[in-house]
C-alpha atoms as a PDB file:
ATOM      1  CA  MET A   1      17.941 140.710 169.828  1.00  0.00           C
ATOM      2  CA  THR A   2      14.516 141.713 168.490  1.00  0.00           C
ATOM      3  CA  ASP A   3      11.208 140.711 170.072  1.00  0.00           C
ATOM      4  CA  ALA A   4       8.443 139.295 167.974  1.00  0.00           C
ATOM      5  CA  ASN A   5       6.141 142.031 169.267  1.00  0.00           C
ATOM      6  CA  ASP A   6       8.270 144.588 167.579  1.00  0.00           C
ATOM      7  CA  HIS A   7       6.787 143.868 164.093  1.00  0.00           C
ATOM      8  CA  GLN A   8       5.407 147.073 162.651  1.00  0.00           C
ATOM      9  CA  PHE A   9       2.764 145.339 160.469  1.00  0.00           C
ATOM     10  CA  ARG A  10       0.270 142.519 161.152  1.00  0.00           C
ATOM     11  CA  VAL A  11      -1.037 139.732 158.961  1.00  0.00           C
ATOM     12  CA  GLY A  12      -4.024 140.974 156.926  1.00  0.00           C
ATOM     13  CA  GLU A  13      -2.866 144.632 156.978  1.00  0.00           C
ATOM     14  CA  VAL A  14      -2.789 146.483 153.661  1.00  0.00           C
ATOM     15  CA  VAL A  15       0.566 148.211 153.103  1.00  0.00           C
ATOM     16  CA  GLU A  16       2.222 150.225 150.404  1.00  0.00           C
ATOM     17  CA  TYR A  17       5.354 148.495 149.004  1.00  0.00           C
ATOM     18  CA  HIS A  18       8.347 150.446 147.625  1.00  0.00           C
ATOM     19  CA  PRO A  19      10.760 147.838 146.249  1.00  0.00           C
ATOM     20  CA  PRO A  20      14.426 148.580 146.585  1.00  0.00           C
ATOM     21  CA  ARG A  21      16.332 149.933 143.563  1.00  0.00           C
ATOM     22  CA  GLY A  22      17.287 147.232 141.102  1.00  0.00           C
ATOM     23  CA  LEU A  23      14.543 144.841 142.066  1.00  0.00           C
ATOM     24  CA  TYR A  24      11.570 144.569 139.712  1.00  0.00           C
ATOM     25  CA  ALA A  25       8.341 144.521 141.518  1.00  0.00           C
ATOM     26  CA  PRO A  26       5.186 146.586 141.042  1.00  0.00           C
ATOM     27  CA  ARG A  27       4.830 149.417 143.504  1.00  0.00           C
ATOM     28  CA  GLY A  28       1.557 149.739 145.171  1.00  0.00           C
ATOM     29  CA  THR A  29      -0.761 148.120 147.740  1.00  0.00           C
ATOM     30  CA  TYR A  30      -0.047 144.706 149.093  1.00  0.00           C
ATOM     31  CA  ILE A  31      -1.566 142.547 151.814  1.00  0.00           C
ATOM     32  CA  VAL A  32       0.752 141.172 154.547  1.00  0.00           C
ATOM     33  CA  THR A  33       0.315 137.370 154.572  1.00  0.00           C
ATOM     34  CA  ALA A  34       2.986 136.458 157.198  1.00  0.00           C
ATOM     35  CA  ALA A  35       5.319 138.143 159.586  1.00  0.00           C
ATOM     36  CA  LEU A  36       8.785 136.625 159.356  1.00  0.00           C
ATOM     37  CA  PRO A  37      11.862 136.716 161.752  1.00  0.00           C
ATOM     38  CA  ALA A  38      14.379 139.472 161.566  1.00  0.00           C
ATOM     39  CA  ARG A  39      17.214 139.187 159.004  1.00  0.00           C
ATOM     40  CA  TYR A  40      20.019 141.698 158.521  1.00  0.00           C
ATOM     41  CA  GLY A  41      18.499 143.716 161.453  1.00  0.00           C
ATOM     42  CA  GLN A  42      15.042 144.176 159.933  1.00  0.00           C
ATOM     43  CA  PHE A  43      11.931 142.053 160.082  1.00  0.00           C
ATOM     44  CA  GLU A  44      10.741 140.514 156.907  1.00  0.00           C
ATOM     45  CA  TYR A  45       7.109 139.939 155.646  1.00  0.00           C
ATOM     46  CA  ARG A  46       5.450 137.792 153.081  1.00  0.00           C
ATOM     47  CA  ILE A  47       3.260 140.147 151.008  1.00  0.00           C
ATOM     48  CA  ARG A  48       0.855 139.647 148.107  1.00  0.00           C
ATOM     49  CA  ASN A  49      -0.342 142.005 145.395  1.00  0.00           C
ATOM     50  CA  THR A  50      -3.790 141.198 144.029  1.00  0.00           C
ATOM     51  CA  VAL A  51      -2.536 141.394 140.438  1.00  0.00           C
ATOM     52  CA  GLU A  52       0.156 138.659 140.917  1.00  0.00           C
ATOM     53  CA  ASP A  53      -0.265 134.913 141.413  1.00  0.00           C
ATOM     54  CA  TYR A  54       2.472 134.624 144.039  1.00  0.00           C
ATOM     55  CA  GLU A  55       3.863 136.159 147.182  1.00  0.00           C
ATOM     56  CA  ARG A  56       6.992 138.143 147.723  1.00  0.00           C
ATOM     57  CA  VAL A  57       9.255 138.603 150.713  1.00  0.00           C
ATOM     58  CA  ALA A  58       9.820 142.272 151.711  1.00  0.00           C
ATOM     59  CA  MET A  59      11.980 143.999 154.272  1.00  0.00           C
ATOM     60  CA  GLU A  60      10.105 146.095 156.896  1.00  0.00           C
ATOM     61  CA  GLY A  61      11.933 149.268 155.676  1.00  0.00           C
ATOM     62  CA  ASP A  62      10.326 148.793 152.155  1.00  0.00           C
ATOM     63  CA  LEU A  63       6.812 148.758 153.481  1.00  0.00           C
ATOM     64  CA  HIS A  64       4.775 151.833 154.540  1.00  0.00           C
ATOM     65  CA  LYS A  65       1.473 152.178 156.332  1.00  0.00           C
ATOM     66  CA  ILE A  66      -1.380 153.476 154.189  1.00  0.00           C
ATOM     67  CA  ASP A  67      -2.790 156.727 155.531  1.00  0.00           C
ATOM     68  CA  ASP A  68      -6.631 156.192 155.252  1.00  0.00           C
ATOM     69  CA  ASP A  69      -7.132 159.952 155.776  1.00  0.00           C
ATOM     70  CA  ALA A  70      -4.872 161.101 152.913  1.00  0.00           C
ATOM     71  CA  PRO A  71      -7.620 161.516 150.313  1.00  0.00           C
ATOM     72  CA  ASN A  72      -9.756 163.534 152.771  1.00  0.00           C
ATOM     73  CA  ARG A  73      -6.800 165.878 153.543  1.00  0.00           C
ATOM     74  CA  ALA A  74      -6.135 166.467 149.875  1.00  0.00           C
ATOM     75  CA  ARG A  75      -9.696 167.814 149.355  1.00  0.00           C
ATOM     76  CA  ARG A  76      -9.381 170.348 152.208  1.00  0.00           C
END
């Protein structure tokens, strides 16, 4: 059984969403609006893209942390 503290992302965190194949959804940055219970062995999250008027539900495996230092490394 998974513990609620095992969520990888927190509400308010900005993440990168990579939707699974066959699901139409814009890739890009989303804000986590809610952490949901595990389903099919993975936590789910409600996420919102600023260009859409609604929220989506995404599996934890489809979300990625945004590396804030990536632009600085590219310039080195």
